């Protein structure tokens, strides 16, 4: 595992996995992050002594999303599709695993980072946490399993608003609408998540696995939704609008979208 990008430790039946790419705001597109998360999940899934994984980010940031600078330089749809597909297995693993995953969110969970947190079975968020499906801000359609996870958490109407507007969702609203499950003091998301992880780790594995299967049934439908999401997102990430949106964001100016 790439230790610089992803750290893993075990605490009895709980695995704590930290995205450790703070220089890039714990971006899912930072070098080694997706690979490190996949390796950590593989270790977790294959260890019968581990029951719950807690996912968090270093430095008071969960994840600020994808690597816009890298993405805007790729103009080939197929190459972008391949890049997006690299994150598919880890999100699908969380959703279909018989084990449990908890997100411990401090600070921003934006774009693909929001997708990672929303796919988890439980989301613990600290004061100051902020949530945003930011892809629309830079002219792209959602990726990171947001098309699947958001409606499951907040309902189709609210998910549509969050995805279309790109508005930030405060912790107060996130708790109110069910985007986040548990509120914690600032700096205490991991501690609170560990408390819930220990309780869940002592629960009945077969019943927990059954509940997860029921929420993601039918599996073929889940796989198809994630495939369609990657296809549509790849097309928008290859567009002129995305290049303009990403450039505007990085240059701190308003984007001028032209619909191409």
Protein backbone atom coordinates (compact mmCIF):
# COMPACT_ATOMS: atom_id res chain seq x y z
CA UNK A 1 0.00 0.00 0.00
CA UNK A 2 1.20 3.54 -0.76
CA UNK A 3 1.78 4.73 2.80
CA UNK A 4 2.13 8.38 1.83
CA UNK A 5 -1.36 8.46 0.31
CA UNK A 6 -3.37 6.08 2.50
CA UNK A 7 -2.73 4.92 6.06
CA UNK A 8 -4.35 1.92 7.75
CA UNK A 9 -4.37 0.80 11.36
CA UNK A 10 -6.49 -1.72 13.23
CA UNK A 11 -8.16 -1.31 16.59
CA UNK A 12 -9.54 -4.69 17.60
CA UNK A 13 -12.34 -5.43 15.10
CA UNK A 14 -12.18 -1.97 13.50
CA UNK A 15 -9.93 -0.81 10.65
CA UNK A 16 -9.17 2.93 10.50
CA UNK A 17 -8.19 4.08 7.01
CA UNK A 18 -6.99 7.65 6.47
CA UNK A 19 -6.61 9.46 3.15
CA UNK A 20 -3.26 11.11 3.75
CA UNK A 21 -2.83 13.46 0.78
CA UNK A 22 -3.45 16.74 2.57
CA UNK A 23 -1.29 18.75 0.16
CA UNK A 24 -3.96 17.97 -2.46
CA UNK A 25 -6.84 18.33 0.03
CA UNK A 26 -7.12 14.54 0.17
CA UNK A 27 -8.29 14.45 -3.43
CA UNK A 28 -9.53 11.12 -4.69
CA UNK A 29 -7.40 11.84 -7.75
CA UNK A 30 -4.18 12.37 -5.79
CA UNK A 31 -1.42 9.87 -6.66
CA UNK A 32 -1.85 6.60 -4.83
CA UNK A 33 -5.17 7.38 -3.14
CA UNK A 34 -7.48 5.09 -5.11
CA UNK A 35 -4.87 2.34 -5.22
CA UNK A 36 -4.21 2.69 -1.50
CA UNK A 37 -7.91 2.60 -0.64
CA UNK A 38 -8.42 -0.50 -2.77
CA UNK A 39 -5.51 -2.28 -1.09
CA UNK A 40 -6.77 -1.30 2.36
CA UNK A 41 -10.23 -2.61 1.49
CA UNK A 42 -8.75 -5.85 0.21
CA UNK A 43 -6.92 -6.37 3.51
CA UNK A 44 -10.05 -5.47 5.44
CA UNK A 45 -12.35 -7.77 3.48
CA UNK A 46 -9.96 -10.72 3.76
CA UNK A 47 -9.40 -10.40 7.51
CA UNK A 48 -12.09 -12.30 9.39
CA UNK A 49 -11.18 -10.46 12.58
CA UNK A 50 -12.16 -7.08 11.12
CA UNK A 51 -15.83 -6.13 10.99
CA UNK A 52 -16.05 -2.37 10.40
CA UNK A 53 -13.91 0.11 8.47
CA UNK A 54 -13.81 3.81 9.39
CA UNK A 55 -12.78 6.07 6.49
CA UNK A 56 -11.44 9.54 7.25
CA UNK A 57 -9.09 12.22 5.92
CA UNK A 58 -5.96 13.79 7.33
CA UNK A 59 -5.62 17.41 8.41
CA UNK A 60 -9.26 18.18 9.07
CA UNK A 61 -10.32 17.53 5.46
CA UNK A 62 -12.29 14.47 4.36
CA UNK A 63 -11.81 14.86 0.60
CA UNK A 64 -12.12 17.86 -1.69
CA UNK A 65 -13.03 15.67 -4.68
CA UNK A 66 -11.18 14.89 -7.91
CA UNK A 67 -7.99 16.26 -9.42
CA UNK A 68 -9.37 18.98 -11.70
CA UNK A 69 -5.99 20.05 -13.03
CA UNK A 70 -5.20 16.53 -14.21
CA UNK A 71 -8.68 15.90 -15.59
CA UNK A 72 -8.84 19.09 -17.67
CA UNK A 73 -5.67 18.02 -19.51
CA UNK A 74 -7.27 14.77 -20.71
CA UNK A 75 -9.46 15.45 -23.73
CA UNK A 76 -10.03 11.84 -24.81
CA UNK A 77 -13.36 10.38 -23.60
CA UNK A 78 -12.01 6.84 -23.46
CA UNK A 79 -9.04 7.85 -21.30
CA UNK A 80 -11.33 9.75 -18.96
CA UNK A 81 -13.68 6.77 -18.80
CA UNK A 82 -10.75 4.54 -17.83
CA UNK A 83 -9.73 7.02 -15.13
CA UNK A 84 -13.26 7.10 -13.70
CA UNK A 85 -13.50 3.32 -13.85
CA UNK A 86 -10.45 3.12 -11.57
CA UNK A 87 -12.61 4.41 -8.73
CA UNK A 88 -15.59 2.19 -9.53
CA UNK A 89 -14.38 -0.98 -7.78
CA UNK A 90 -13.79 0.69 -4.43
CA UNK A 91 -17.23 2.36 -4.37
CA UNK A 92 -18.93 -0.83 -5.51
CA UNK A 93 -16.99 -2.73 -2.83
CA UNK A 94 -18.37 -0.44 -0.10
CA UNK A 95 -21.92 -0.74 -1.39
CA UNK A 96 -21.96 -4.51 -1.85
CA UNK A 97 -19.67 -5.66 0.96
CA UNK A 98 -21.13 -7.75 3.76
CA UNK A 99 -18.95 -5.76 6.16
CA UNK A 100 -19.71 -2.23 7.35
CA UNK A 101 -18.14 1.10 6.42
CA UNK A 102 -18.36 4.39 8.35
CA UNK A 103 -17.26 7.80 7.06
CA UNK A 104 -15.78 10.17 9.65
CA UNK A 105 -16.05 13.59 8.01
CA UNK A 106 -14.15 16.70 9.06
CA UNK A 107 -14.23 19.76 6.80
CA UNK A 108 -15.20 19.45 3.13
CA UNK A 109 -16.57 16.33 1.46
CA UNK A 110 -16.88 17.55 -2.12
CA UNK A 111 -17.44 15.85 -5.47
CA UNK A 112 -16.04 12.33 -5.51
CA UNK A 113 -15.23 12.78 -1.81
CA UNK A 114 -18.92 13.27 -1.10
CA UNK A 115 -19.61 10.14 -3.13
CA UNK A 116 -17.16 8.15 -1.01
CA UNK A 117 -18.77 9.36 2.23
CA UNK A 118 -22.34 8.90 0.98
CA UNK A 119 -21.67 5.30 -0.05
CA UNK A 120 -20.72 4.38 3.52
CA UNK A 121 -23.27 2.68 5.76
CA UNK A 122 -23.00 5.42 8.37
CA UNK A 123 -21.74 8.99 8.06
CA UNK A 124 -20.43 10.79 11.14
CA UNK A 125 -19.78 14.49 10.52
CA UNK A 126 -18.15 17.07 12.74
CA UNK A 127 -19.07 20.71 13.24
CA UNK A 128 -17.74 22.66 10.29
CA UNK A 129 -18.25 19.79 7.83
CA UNK A 130 -19.47 20.89 4.40
CA UNK A 131 -20.91 18.84 1.56
CA UNK A 132 -21.14 19.61 -2.15
CA UNK A 133 -21.73 17.74 -5.39
CA UNK A 134 -19.31 20.14 -6.99
CA UNK A 135 -19.03 18.55 -10.44
CA UNK A 136 -21.80 20.75 -11.87
CA UNK A 137 -19.82 23.86 -10.87
CA UNK A 138 -17.12 22.95 -13.36
CA UNK A 139 -19.43 21.79 -16.13
CA UNK A 140 -19.38 18.06 -15.42
CA UNK A 141 -22.00 15.47 -14.55
CA UNK A 142 -21.74 13.61 -11.22
CA UNK A 143 -19.39 10.70 -10.70
CA UNK A 144 -18.32 8.95 -7.51
CA UNK A 145 -21.56 6.93 -7.28
CA UNK A 146 -23.47 10.10 -6.34
CA UNK A 147 -26.27 9.21 -8.76
CA UNK A 148 -26.84 6.05 -6.72
CA UNK A 149 -25.96 7.11 -3.17
CA UNK A 150 -27.58 10.55 -2.87
CA UNK A 151 -31.17 9.49 -3.72
CA UNK A 152 -30.82 6.58 -1.28
CA UNK A 153 -29.81 8.97 1.48
CA UNK A 154 -31.91 12.09 0.89
CA UNK A 155 -34.60 11.13 -1.64
CA UNK A 156 -34.81 11.87 -5.36
CA UNK A 157 -36.05 15.45 -5.04
CA UNK A 158 -33.32 16.65 -2.71
CA UNK A 159 -30.68 14.68 -4.61
CA UNK A 160 -31.75 16.37 -7.84
CA UNK A 161 -31.41 19.82 -6.24
CA UNK A 162 -27.98 19.04 -4.77
CA UNK A 163 -26.68 17.62 -8.06
CA UNK A 164 -28.12 20.36 -10.29
CA UNK A 165 -27.21 23.41 -8.21
CA UNK A 166 -23.84 22.46 -6.76
CA UNK A 167 -24.83 24.33 -3.61
CA UNK A 168 -22.94 23.62 -0.41
CA UNK A 169 -24.93 21.72 2.18
CA UNK A 170 -24.23 22.73 5.77
CA UNK A 171 -23.98 20.23 8.59
CA UNK A 172 -27.33 21.41 9.96
CA UNK A 173 -29.06 20.67 6.66
CA UNK A 174 -27.10 17.44 6.14
CA UNK A 175 -28.35 16.09 9.46
CA UNK A 176 -31.87 17.32 8.81
CA UNK A 177 -32.22 15.67 5.38
CA UNK A 178 -30.36 12.47 6.27
CA UNK A 179 -27.21 13.06 4.25
CA UNK A 180 -25.19 12.74 7.47
CA UNK A 181 -26.30 10.43 10.28
CA UNK A 182 -24.39 11.49 13.40
CA UNK A 183 -23.17 14.90 14.56
CA UNK A 184 -19.85 15.31 16.40
CA UNK A 185 -17.81 18.15 17.86
CA UNK A 186 -15.19 19.67 15.57
CA UNK A 187 -12.13 17.46 15.57
CA UNK A 188 -14.03 14.56 17.12
CA UNK A 189 -15.52 12.84 14.04
CA UNK A 190 -13.08 9.93 14.22
CA UNK A 191 -13.65 9.41 17.94
CA UNK A 192 -17.42 9.42 17.45
CA UNK A 193 -17.14 7.10 14.43
CA UNK A 194 -15.03 4.65 16.44
CA UNK A 195 -17.67 4.58 19.16
CA UNK A 196 -20.31 3.56 16.61
CA UNK A 197 -17.89 1.19 14.87
CA UNK A 198 -17.26 -0.76 18.09
CA UNK A 199 -20.99 -1.07 18.70
CA UNK A 200 -21.65 -2.26 15.15
CA UNK A 201 -18.70 -4.67 15.29
CA UNK A 202 -20.39 -6.38 18.21
CA UNK A 203 -23.62 -6.80 16.23
CA UNK A 204 -24.93 -9.84 14.30
CA UNK A 205 -22.91 -10.20 11.06
CA UNK A 206 -25.51 -12.20 9.11
CA UNK A 207 -28.33 -9.77 9.90
CA UNK A 208 -26.14 -6.78 9.06
CA UNK A 209 -25.07 -8.32 5.75
CA UNK A 210 -28.70 -9.09 4.89
CA UNK A 211 -29.73 -5.49 5.54
CA UNK A 212 -26.96 -4.23 3.25
CA UNK A 213 -28.00 -6.64 0.49
CA UNK A 214 -31.60 -5.48 0.69
CA UNK A 215 -30.57 -1.84 0.33
CA UNK A 216 -28.48 -2.48 -2.76
CA UNK A 217 -30.77 -5.02 -4.47
CA UNK A 218 -30.84 -5.71 -7.26
CA UNK A 219 -27.03 -5.91 -7.67
CA UNK A 220 -27.31 -5.87 -11.47
CA UNK A 221 -29.25 -2.61 -11.21
CA UNK A 222 -26.51 -1.10 -9.03
CA UNK A 223 -23.80 -2.18 -11.47
CA UNK A 224 -25.74 -0.78 -14.41
CA UNK A 225 -26.38 2.55 -12.68
CA UNK A 226 -22.70 2.94 -11.86
CA UNK A 227 -21.76 2.06 -15.45
CA UNK A 228 -24.17 4.64 -16.88
CA UNK A 229 -22.87 7.24 -14.41
CA UNK A 230 -19.29 6.68 -15.54
CA UNK A 231 -20.27 6.84 -19.22
CA UNK A 232 -22.17 10.12 -18.90
CA UNK A 233 -19.61 11.68 -16.55
CA UNK A 234 -16.76 10.80 -18.92
CA UNK A 235 -18.47 12.61 -21.80
CA UNK A 236 -18.87 15.79 -19.76
CA UNK A 237 -15.33 15.65 -18.37
CA UNK A 238 -14.10 15.56 -21.99
CA UNK A 239 -16.12 18.65 -22.94
CA UNK A 240 -14.98 22.22 -23.56
CA UNK A 241 -17.28 23.29 -20.73
CA UNK A 242 -15.38 21.18 -18.24
CA UNK A 243 -12.02 22.56 -19.35
CA UNK A 244 -13.44 26.06 -18.93
CA UNK A 245 -15.05 25.22 -15.59
CA UNK A 246 -11.93 23.61 -14.16
CA UNK A 247 -9.72 26.42 -15.45
CA UNK A 248 -12.04 29.03 -13.96
CA UNK A 249 -12.03 27.27 -10.62
CA UNK A 250 -8.24 26.99 -10.53
CA UNK A 251 -7.86 30.61 -11.69
CA UNK A 252 -10.51 31.83 -9.20
CA UNK A 253 -12.82 33.42 -11.77
CA UNK A 254 -16.37 32.88 -13.03
CA UNK A 255 -16.72 30.22 -15.77
CA UNK A 256 -18.29 30.96 -19.13
CA UNK A 257 -20.02 27.79 -20.33
CA UNK A 258 -20.95 27.37 -24.01
CA UNK A 259 -22.66 23.96 -24.00
CA UNK A 260 -19.99 22.06 -25.92
